[in-house]
N, C-alpha and C. Protein backbone atom coordinates (compact mmCIF):
# COMPACT_ATOMS: atom_id res chain seq x y z
N MET A 1 13.71 16.82 28.12
CA MET A 1 14.36 16.35 26.91
C MET A 1 15.77 15.90 27.24
N LYS A 2 16.18 14.75 26.75
CA LYS A 2 17.53 14.26 26.99
C LYS A 2 18.22 14.06 25.66
N ARG A 3 19.51 14.35 25.65
CA ARG A 3 20.28 14.14 24.43
C ARG A 3 21.69 13.69 24.81
N SER A 4 22.33 12.93 23.92
CA SER A 4 23.69 12.45 24.18
C SER A 4 24.72 13.49 23.79
N LEU A 5 25.75 13.58 24.59
CA LEU A 5 26.90 14.44 24.32
C LEU A 5 28.17 13.65 24.55
N MET A 6 29.27 14.15 24.07
CA MET A 6 30.56 13.55 24.39
C MET A 6 31.30 14.52 25.31
N SER A 7 31.82 14.01 26.40
CA SER A 7 32.57 14.87 27.32
C SER A 7 34.01 14.98 26.83
N PHE A 8 34.78 15.81 27.51
CA PHE A 8 36.17 16.01 27.10
C PHE A 8 37.00 14.75 27.21
N ASN A 9 36.59 13.80 28.04
CA ASN A 9 37.33 12.53 28.12
C ASN A 9 36.67 11.45 27.27
N GLN A 10 35.77 11.85 26.34
CA GLN A 10 35.12 10.98 25.37
C GLN A 10 34.16 9.97 26.00
N THR A 11 33.68 10.23 27.22
CA THR A 11 32.64 9.39 27.82
C THR A 11 31.30 9.97 27.42
N PRO A 12 30.45 9.19 26.75
CA PRO A 12 29.14 9.72 26.40
C PRO A 12 28.35 10.10 27.64
N LEU A 13 27.68 11.22 27.61
CA LEU A 13 26.89 11.69 28.74
C LEU A 13 25.45 11.91 28.32
N MET A 14 24.54 11.84 29.28
CA MET A 14 23.15 12.22 29.04
C MET A 14 22.95 13.56 29.73
N VAL A 15 22.29 14.47 29.05
CA VAL A 15 22.05 15.79 29.60
C VAL A 15 20.55 15.99 29.73
N SER A 16 20.11 16.36 30.90
CA SER A 16 18.71 16.69 31.10
C SER A 16 18.58 18.20 31.05
N SER A 17 17.75 18.69 30.14
CA SER A 17 17.61 20.14 30.00
C SER A 17 16.91 20.76 31.20
N ARG A 18 16.14 19.97 31.94
CA ARG A 18 15.47 20.51 33.11
C ARG A 18 16.43 20.74 34.27
N SER A 19 17.28 19.77 34.54
CA SER A 19 18.14 19.88 35.71
C SER A 19 19.52 20.43 35.39
N ARG A 20 19.86 20.49 34.12
CA ARG A 20 21.21 20.92 33.72
C ARG A 20 22.27 20.06 34.39
N CYS A 21 21.97 18.80 34.49
CA CYS A 21 22.85 17.86 35.18
C CYS A 21 23.43 16.87 34.19
N PHE A 22 24.71 16.59 34.27
CA PHE A 22 25.37 15.62 33.42
C PHE A 22 25.45 14.29 34.15
N VAL A 23 24.99 13.24 33.51
CA VAL A 23 25.01 11.91 34.11
C VAL A 23 25.58 10.93 33.09
N PRO A 24 26.50 10.08 33.50
CA PRO A 24 27.08 9.12 32.55
C PRO A 24 26.00 8.23 31.96
N HIS A 25 26.11 7.94 30.67
CA HIS A 25 25.09 7.16 29.98
C HIS A 25 25.02 5.70 30.44
N PHE A 26 26.11 5.15 30.99
CA PHE A 26 26.09 3.73 31.27
C PHE A 26 25.11 3.34 32.37
N TRP A 27 24.52 4.29 33.04
CA TRP A 27 23.46 3.96 34.00
C TRP A 27 22.12 3.80 33.30
N PHE A 28 22.01 4.19 32.01
CA PHE A 28 20.73 4.15 31.33
C PHE A 28 20.65 3.16 30.18
N LEU A 29 21.72 2.94 29.46
CA LEU A 29 21.64 2.19 28.21
C LEU A 29 21.19 0.75 28.38
N THR A 30 21.63 0.05 29.39
CA THR A 30 21.32 -1.37 29.52
C THR A 30 20.18 -1.63 30.50
N GLU A 31 19.65 -0.61 31.10
CA GLU A 31 18.64 -0.81 32.14
C GLU A 31 17.44 -1.60 31.65
N SER A 32 16.93 -1.30 30.48
CA SER A 32 15.71 -1.97 30.01
C SER A 32 15.93 -3.44 29.71
N THR A 33 17.14 -3.85 29.39
CA THR A 33 17.38 -5.26 29.07
C THR A 33 17.92 -6.04 30.26
N GLU A 34 18.61 -5.39 31.19
CA GLU A 34 19.20 -6.09 32.32
C GLU A 34 18.35 -6.07 33.57
N LEU A 35 17.33 -5.23 33.61
CA LEU A 35 16.41 -5.20 34.73
C LEU A 35 15.78 -6.59 34.86
N GLN A 36 15.67 -7.10 36.08
CA GLN A 36 15.12 -8.43 36.26
C GLN A 36 14.02 -8.41 37.31
N CYS A 37 13.23 -9.45 37.32
CA CYS A 37 12.14 -9.56 38.28
C CYS A 37 11.98 -11.01 38.69
N GLU A 38 11.91 -11.25 40.00
CA GLU A 38 11.70 -12.59 40.53
C GLU A 38 10.52 -12.66 41.48
N SER A 39 9.86 -11.51 41.72
CA SER A 39 8.73 -11.52 42.64
C SER A 39 7.76 -10.40 42.30
N LYS A 40 6.56 -10.52 42.87
CA LYS A 40 5.55 -9.48 42.70
C LYS A 40 4.94 -9.22 44.07
N CYS A 41 4.23 -8.08 44.19
CA CYS A 41 3.70 -7.70 45.48
C CYS A 41 2.38 -6.97 45.31
N VAL A 42 1.42 -7.32 46.15
CA VAL A 42 0.20 -6.52 46.27
C VAL A 42 0.42 -5.63 47.48
N PHE A 43 0.40 -4.31 47.26
CA PHE A 43 0.48 -3.33 48.33
C PHE A 43 -0.94 -2.90 48.65
N GLY A 44 -1.29 -2.76 49.91
CA GLY A 44 -2.66 -2.35 50.21
C GLY A 44 -2.79 -1.57 51.49
N ILE A 45 -3.89 -0.83 51.56
CA ILE A 45 -4.31 -0.14 52.77
C ILE A 45 -5.73 -0.61 53.03
N SER A 46 -6.00 -1.07 54.25
CA SER A 46 -7.32 -1.57 54.60
C SER A 46 -7.77 -0.97 55.92
N ASP A 47 -9.08 -0.83 56.06
CA ASP A 47 -9.63 -0.51 57.37
C ASP A 47 -9.43 -1.73 58.25
N ARG A 48 -9.25 -1.52 59.54
CA ARG A 48 -8.94 -2.61 60.46
C ARG A 48 -10.08 -3.63 60.50
N PRO A 49 -9.76 -4.88 60.18
CA PRO A 49 -10.80 -5.92 60.31
C PRO A 49 -10.98 -6.32 61.78
N PRO A 50 -12.18 -6.78 62.13
CA PRO A 50 -12.36 -7.29 63.49
C PRO A 50 -11.35 -8.41 63.74
N GLY A 51 -10.81 -8.44 64.92
CA GLY A 51 -9.83 -9.48 65.25
C GLY A 51 -8.41 -8.95 65.28
N LEU A 52 -8.17 -7.76 64.70
CA LEU A 52 -6.84 -7.14 64.79
C LEU A 52 -6.91 -5.99 65.79
N PRO A 53 -5.87 -5.82 66.60
CA PRO A 53 -5.90 -4.80 67.65
C PRO A 53 -5.86 -3.37 67.10
N THR A 54 -6.36 -2.44 67.92
CA THR A 54 -6.29 -1.01 67.57
C THR A 54 -4.95 -0.41 67.97
N SER A 55 -4.23 -1.08 68.85
CA SER A 55 -2.92 -0.60 69.29
C SER A 55 -1.87 -0.87 68.21
N PRO A 56 -0.70 -0.21 68.28
CA PRO A 56 0.36 -0.48 67.29
C PRO A 56 0.68 -1.98 67.22
N HIS A 57 0.79 -2.47 66.00
CA HIS A 57 0.89 -3.91 65.82
C HIS A 57 1.54 -4.23 64.47
N GLN A 58 2.31 -5.31 64.43
CA GLN A 58 2.89 -5.76 63.16
C GLN A 58 2.78 -7.28 63.08
N ILE A 59 2.43 -7.74 61.90
CA ILE A 59 2.32 -9.18 61.65
C ILE A 59 3.25 -9.53 60.50
N ASN A 60 4.09 -10.52 60.71
CA ASN A 60 4.90 -11.09 59.63
C ASN A 60 4.47 -12.55 59.51
N ALA A 61 3.91 -12.89 58.37
CA ALA A 61 3.43 -14.26 58.16
C ALA A 61 4.16 -14.86 56.98
N PHE A 62 4.70 -16.06 57.17
CA PHE A 62 5.50 -16.72 56.14
C PHE A 62 4.83 -18.04 55.75
N PHE A 63 4.60 -18.19 54.46
CA PHE A 63 4.00 -19.40 53.92
C PHE A 63 4.94 -19.98 52.87
N LYS A 64 4.62 -21.17 52.40
CA LYS A 64 5.48 -21.83 51.41
C LYS A 64 5.60 -21.02 50.12
N ASN A 65 4.51 -20.41 49.67
CA ASN A 65 4.52 -19.71 48.39
C ASN A 65 4.33 -18.20 48.49
N CYS A 66 4.32 -17.66 49.70
CA CYS A 66 4.16 -16.21 49.85
C CYS A 66 4.56 -15.75 51.25
N ASN A 67 4.71 -14.44 51.40
CA ASN A 67 5.00 -13.82 52.68
C ASN A 67 4.12 -12.59 52.83
N TYR A 68 3.78 -12.26 54.07
CA TYR A 68 2.98 -11.07 54.36
C TYR A 68 3.70 -10.18 55.36
N MET A 69 3.51 -8.90 55.21
CA MET A 69 3.87 -7.94 56.24
C MET A 69 2.64 -7.05 56.42
N VAL A 70 2.13 -6.97 57.63
CA VAL A 70 0.93 -6.21 57.95
C VAL A 70 1.28 -5.29 59.11
N ILE A 71 1.06 -3.99 58.94
CA ILE A 71 1.47 -2.99 59.93
C ILE A 71 0.29 -2.08 60.26
N SER A 72 0.04 -1.89 61.55
CA SER A 72 -1.03 -0.97 61.94
C SER A 72 -0.65 0.45 61.53
N ALA A 73 -1.67 1.25 61.26
CA ALA A 73 -1.47 2.61 60.76
C ALA A 73 -2.46 3.55 61.44
N PRO A 74 -2.26 4.85 61.26
CA PRO A 74 -3.20 5.82 61.84
C PRO A 74 -4.62 5.64 61.28
N ARG A 75 -5.58 6.17 61.97
CA ARG A 75 -7.00 6.18 61.58
C ARG A 75 -7.59 4.78 61.45
N ASP A 76 -7.16 3.90 62.38
CA ASP A 76 -7.73 2.56 62.46
C ASP A 76 -7.58 1.78 61.14
N ARG A 77 -6.41 1.92 60.53
CA ARG A 77 -6.12 1.24 59.27
C ARG A 77 -4.90 0.33 59.42
N TYR A 78 -4.72 -0.51 58.42
CA TYR A 78 -3.54 -1.36 58.34
C TYR A 78 -2.93 -1.24 56.95
N TYR A 79 -1.59 -1.12 56.90
CA TYR A 79 -0.85 -1.18 55.64
C TYR A 79 -0.37 -2.63 55.51
N TRP A 80 -0.48 -3.20 54.32
CA TRP A 80 -0.10 -4.60 54.18
C TRP A 80 0.54 -4.87 52.83
N PHE A 81 1.31 -5.95 52.79
CA PHE A 81 2.07 -6.36 51.60
C PHE A 81 1.97 -7.87 51.48
N LEU A 82 1.60 -8.34 50.30
CA LEU A 82 1.60 -9.77 49.98
C LEU A 82 2.66 -9.99 48.92
N PHE A 83 3.74 -10.68 49.28
CA PHE A 83 4.86 -10.96 48.37
C PHE A 83 4.75 -12.39 47.85
N THR A 84 4.88 -12.56 46.54
CA THR A 84 4.93 -13.90 45.95
C THR A 84 6.03 -13.95 44.90
N GLU A 85 6.52 -15.15 44.63
CA GLU A 85 7.56 -15.32 43.62
C GLU A 85 6.96 -15.49 42.24
N VAL A 86 7.72 -15.10 41.24
CA VAL A 86 7.36 -15.35 39.84
C VAL A 86 8.59 -15.93 39.16
N GLU A 87 8.39 -16.51 38.00
CA GLU A 87 9.52 -17.01 37.23
C GLU A 87 10.41 -15.83 36.85
N LYS A 88 11.71 -15.97 36.96
CA LYS A 88 12.64 -14.88 36.67
C LYS A 88 12.52 -14.43 35.21
N VAL A 89 12.30 -13.14 35.02
CA VAL A 89 12.20 -12.56 33.68
C VAL A 89 13.04 -11.29 33.62
N TYR A 90 13.35 -10.86 32.40
CA TYR A 90 14.21 -9.70 32.19
C TYR A 90 13.53 -8.66 31.30
N GLY A 91 13.92 -7.41 31.49
CA GLY A 91 13.58 -6.31 30.59
C GLY A 91 12.11 -6.20 30.26
N LYS A 92 11.83 -6.19 28.97
CA LYS A 92 10.46 -5.98 28.49
C LYS A 92 9.53 -7.15 28.80
N ASN A 93 10.06 -8.26 29.26
CA ASN A 93 9.23 -9.41 29.63
C ASN A 93 8.67 -9.31 31.05
N ILE A 94 9.06 -8.27 31.78
CA ILE A 94 8.55 -8.07 33.13
C ILE A 94 7.08 -7.66 33.02
N ALA A 95 6.24 -8.35 33.78
CA ALA A 95 4.79 -8.16 33.67
C ALA A 95 4.33 -6.82 34.22
N LYS A 96 3.30 -6.29 33.58
CA LYS A 96 2.53 -5.15 34.06
C LYS A 96 1.16 -5.72 34.39
N TYR A 97 0.68 -5.48 35.60
CA TYR A 97 -0.53 -6.15 36.07
C TYR A 97 -1.76 -5.24 36.03
N THR A 98 -2.91 -5.90 35.92
CA THR A 98 -4.20 -5.21 35.92
C THR A 98 -4.90 -5.47 37.25
N LYS A 99 -6.03 -4.79 37.47
CA LYS A 99 -6.84 -5.04 38.66
C LYS A 99 -7.38 -6.47 38.67
N ASP A 100 -7.67 -7.01 37.48
CA ASP A 100 -8.13 -8.41 37.40
C ASP A 100 -7.03 -9.37 37.85
N ASP A 101 -5.79 -9.10 37.47
CA ASP A 101 -4.66 -9.93 37.91
C ASP A 101 -4.53 -9.87 39.43
N GLU A 102 -4.70 -8.66 39.98
CA GLU A 102 -4.61 -8.47 41.43
C GLU A 102 -5.70 -9.28 42.14
N LEU A 103 -6.92 -9.18 41.66
CA LEU A 103 -8.04 -9.88 42.28
C LEU A 103 -7.84 -11.39 42.22
N LYS A 104 -7.36 -11.90 41.09
CA LYS A 104 -7.10 -13.34 40.94
C LYS A 104 -6.05 -13.80 41.96
N LEU A 105 -4.97 -13.04 42.10
CA LEU A 105 -3.93 -13.40 43.07
C LEU A 105 -4.48 -13.35 44.49
N ALA A 106 -5.25 -12.31 44.80
CA ALA A 106 -5.83 -12.19 46.13
C ALA A 106 -6.74 -13.37 46.44
N GLU A 107 -7.58 -13.75 45.49
CA GLU A 107 -8.50 -14.87 45.71
C GLU A 107 -7.75 -16.18 45.95
N GLU A 108 -6.59 -16.36 45.32
CA GLU A 108 -5.77 -17.55 45.56
C GLU A 108 -5.28 -17.64 47.00
N HIS A 109 -5.20 -16.48 47.67
CA HIS A 109 -4.64 -16.43 49.03
C HIS A 109 -5.67 -16.08 50.10
N TYR A 110 -6.94 -16.06 49.73
CA TYR A 110 -7.99 -15.69 50.69
C TYR A 110 -7.93 -16.50 51.98
N LYS A 111 -7.62 -17.76 51.90
CA LYS A 111 -7.67 -18.64 53.09
C LYS A 111 -6.39 -18.58 53.92
N ASP A 112 -5.38 -17.82 53.50
CA ASP A 112 -4.15 -17.71 54.30
C ASP A 112 -4.50 -17.11 55.66
N GLN A 113 -4.11 -17.81 56.71
CA GLN A 113 -4.42 -17.41 58.08
C GLN A 113 -3.32 -16.48 58.59
N LEU A 114 -3.62 -15.17 58.71
CA LEU A 114 -2.62 -14.20 59.18
C LEU A 114 -2.48 -14.22 60.69
N THR A 115 -3.59 -14.41 61.39
CA THR A 115 -3.60 -14.62 62.84
C THR A 115 -4.58 -15.76 63.11
N GLU A 116 -4.81 -16.07 64.36
CA GLU A 116 -5.75 -17.15 64.68
C GLU A 116 -7.17 -16.81 64.23
N THR A 117 -7.49 -15.50 64.14
CA THR A 117 -8.86 -15.11 63.83
C THR A 117 -9.02 -14.33 62.52
N VAL A 118 -7.92 -13.97 61.87
CA VAL A 118 -7.99 -13.13 60.68
C VAL A 118 -7.32 -13.81 59.49
N THR A 119 -8.05 -13.86 58.36
CA THR A 119 -7.49 -14.39 57.12
C THR A 119 -7.16 -13.22 56.19
N PHE A 120 -6.43 -13.53 55.14
CA PHE A 120 -6.14 -12.49 54.15
C PHE A 120 -7.43 -11.96 53.53
N GLU A 121 -8.41 -12.80 53.36
CA GLU A 121 -9.70 -12.37 52.80
C GLU A 121 -10.33 -11.27 53.67
N ASP A 122 -10.24 -11.40 54.99
CA ASP A 122 -10.77 -10.37 55.90
C ASP A 122 -10.10 -9.03 55.65
N LEU A 123 -8.78 -9.07 55.47
CA LEU A 123 -8.02 -7.84 55.24
C LEU A 123 -8.33 -7.26 53.86
N TYR A 124 -8.35 -8.11 52.85
CA TYR A 124 -8.58 -7.65 51.47
C TYR A 124 -10.00 -7.12 51.28
N ALA A 125 -10.96 -7.70 51.97
CA ALA A 125 -12.35 -7.26 51.84
C ALA A 125 -12.55 -5.83 52.35
N ARG A 126 -11.67 -5.37 53.23
CA ARG A 126 -11.78 -4.03 53.80
C ARG A 126 -10.77 -3.05 53.18
N ARG A 127 -10.28 -3.40 52.01
CA ARG A 127 -9.27 -2.57 51.34
C ARG A 127 -9.85 -1.21 50.93
N THR A 128 -9.01 -0.19 51.03
CA THR A 128 -9.38 1.14 50.52
C THR A 128 -8.53 1.48 49.30
N GLN A 129 -7.35 0.87 49.24
CA GLN A 129 -6.46 1.11 48.11
C GLN A 129 -5.51 -0.08 47.96
N THR A 130 -5.33 -0.54 46.71
CA THR A 130 -4.41 -1.65 46.45
C THR A 130 -3.79 -1.50 45.07
N THR A 131 -2.66 -2.14 44.89
CA THR A 131 -2.05 -2.26 43.56
C THR A 131 -1.14 -3.48 43.54
N LEU A 132 -1.05 -4.12 42.40
CA LEU A 132 -0.15 -5.27 42.19
C LEU A 132 0.96 -4.84 41.26
N VAL A 133 2.20 -5.03 41.69
CA VAL A 133 3.34 -4.61 40.88
C VAL A 133 4.41 -5.70 40.85
N SER A 134 5.20 -5.70 39.79
CA SER A 134 6.40 -6.53 39.72
C SER A 134 7.47 -5.84 40.55
N LEU A 135 8.23 -6.60 41.31
CA LEU A 135 9.33 -6.03 42.09
C LEU A 135 10.61 -6.21 41.28
N GLU A 136 10.96 -5.17 40.57
CA GLU A 136 12.12 -5.20 39.68
C GLU A 136 13.39 -4.92 40.46
N ASP A 137 14.49 -5.49 40.01
CA ASP A 137 15.78 -5.15 40.60
C ASP A 137 16.88 -5.22 39.56
N HIS A 138 17.96 -4.56 39.86
CA HIS A 138 19.11 -4.52 38.95
C HIS A 138 20.34 -4.12 39.76
N VAL A 139 21.43 -4.76 39.53
CA VAL A 139 22.69 -4.39 40.16
C VAL A 139 23.57 -3.77 39.08
N PHE A 140 23.86 -2.50 39.22
CA PHE A 140 24.70 -1.82 38.25
C PHE A 140 26.15 -2.24 38.42
N PRO A 141 26.91 -2.35 37.33
CA PRO A 141 28.30 -2.77 37.44
C PRO A 141 29.18 -1.69 38.08
N ARG A 142 28.72 -0.47 38.09
CA ARG A 142 29.51 0.63 38.66
C ARG A 142 28.60 1.50 39.52
N TRP A 143 29.05 1.82 40.73
CA TRP A 143 28.22 2.58 41.67
C TRP A 143 28.74 3.98 41.93
N HIS A 144 29.66 4.44 41.08
CA HIS A 144 30.21 5.78 41.31
C HIS A 144 30.50 6.45 39.97
N TYR A 145 30.59 7.75 40.02
CA TYR A 145 31.01 8.55 38.87
C TYR A 145 31.59 9.85 39.42
N ARG A 146 32.83 10.06 39.15
CA ARG A 146 33.55 11.23 39.68
C ARG A 146 33.30 11.34 41.18
N ARG A 147 32.62 12.40 41.61
CA ARG A 147 32.40 12.59 43.05
C ARG A 147 31.01 12.14 43.50
N ILE A 148 30.33 11.39 42.66
CA ILE A 148 29.00 10.87 43.00
C ILE A 148 29.14 9.41 43.39
N LEU A 149 28.56 9.04 44.52
CA LEU A 149 28.65 7.68 45.02
C LEU A 149 27.28 7.24 45.52
N THR A 150 26.84 6.06 45.13
CA THR A 150 25.60 5.52 45.69
C THR A 150 25.97 4.47 46.72
N ILE A 151 25.25 4.47 47.84
CA ILE A 151 25.52 3.51 48.92
C ILE A 151 24.20 2.97 49.45
N GLY A 152 24.28 1.91 50.21
CA GLY A 152 23.11 1.36 50.88
C GLY A 152 22.06 0.86 49.91
N ASP A 153 20.80 1.10 50.26
CA ASP A 153 19.68 0.61 49.44
C ASP A 153 19.66 1.22 48.05
N ALA A 154 20.30 2.36 47.86
CA ALA A 154 20.37 2.98 46.53
C ALA A 154 21.33 2.22 45.61
N ALA A 155 22.23 1.43 46.18
CA ALA A 155 23.26 0.77 45.39
C ALA A 155 23.02 -0.71 45.16
N HIS A 156 22.08 -1.30 45.86
CA HIS A 156 21.86 -2.74 45.69
C HIS A 156 20.39 -3.07 45.81
N LYS A 157 20.04 -4.25 45.37
CA LYS A 157 18.65 -4.66 45.45
C LYS A 157 18.27 -4.92 46.91
N VAL A 158 17.00 -4.75 47.17
CA VAL A 158 16.48 -4.96 48.51
C VAL A 158 15.44 -6.07 48.44
N ARG A 159 15.60 -7.07 49.25
CA ARG A 159 14.65 -8.18 49.29
C ARG A 159 13.63 -7.93 50.41
N SER A 160 12.40 -8.34 50.18
CA SER A 160 11.33 -8.10 51.16
C SER A 160 11.67 -8.70 52.52
N ILE A 161 12.31 -9.84 52.54
CA ILE A 161 12.62 -10.48 53.81
C ILE A 161 13.65 -9.67 54.60
N THR A 162 14.59 -9.01 53.94
CA THR A 162 15.56 -8.18 54.66
C THR A 162 14.92 -6.89 55.13
N ILE A 163 13.93 -6.40 54.40
CA ILE A 163 13.22 -5.20 54.87
C ILE A 163 12.55 -5.49 56.19
N LEU A 164 11.91 -6.66 56.29
CA LEU A 164 11.24 -7.04 57.53
C LEU A 164 12.24 -7.11 58.68
N GLY A 165 13.39 -7.71 58.42
CA GLY A 165 14.41 -7.82 59.47
C GLY A 165 14.93 -6.48 59.92
N LYS A 166 15.21 -5.59 58.96
CA LYS A 166 15.70 -4.25 59.31
C LYS A 166 14.65 -3.45 60.05
N TYR A 167 13.40 -3.58 59.63
CA TYR A 167 12.32 -2.87 60.30
C TYR A 167 12.21 -3.32 61.76
N ASN A 168 12.23 -4.64 61.98
CA ASN A 168 12.14 -5.16 63.34
C ASN A 168 13.34 -4.73 64.18
N LEU A 169 14.52 -4.72 63.58
CA LEU A 169 15.73 -4.32 64.31
C LEU A 169 15.63 -2.87 64.74
N SER A 170 15.25 -1.98 63.82
CA SER A 170 15.16 -0.55 64.18
C SER A 170 14.02 -0.31 65.17
N ASP A 171 12.95 -1.08 65.06
CA ASP A 171 11.83 -0.94 65.97
C ASP A 171 12.24 -1.34 67.39
N GLN A 172 13.03 -2.40 67.50
CA GLN A 172 13.49 -2.86 68.81
C GLN A 172 14.52 -1.93 69.42
N ALA A 173 15.23 -1.19 68.59
CA ALA A 173 16.28 -0.29 69.09
C ALA A 173 15.69 0.97 69.71
N LYS A 174 14.45 1.26 69.42
CA LYS A 174 13.81 2.49 69.96
C LYS A 174 13.55 2.41 71.42
């Protein structure tokens, strides 16, 4: 249960009865209207299709209307992400997707060639788990409160293309 209070300096606070933690309200009031979305992603786990190696492997595939990141995983599986752009929307206009929406998007990209021998259809056909989500982001006007400070990925939006770059950089540093 959350309720508003006024602090001694007249800043409205939100109080969570579970955590007994005071948090300034300005992190919550505008979130539903200022949250924005410019892309969506199908996240998936698939059994390894023929044509992909059993050894550790990563594929980054870039197309005009989408990007893929495919990473080998334990138990002869692959974790994969299909990123596509959507028209920029805000707040309550951000889409919530169904399994039918996911299947329609997947079928549009079946012929995308991830390697010389593997298409997205090969990967999607061997899926064990998938979901399609809107990738929401928001930049708060203030990143601190008293002695609380947010930094790094907690303080700013993260784009899929920068995730790929950071992953490759850290992987090469090992």
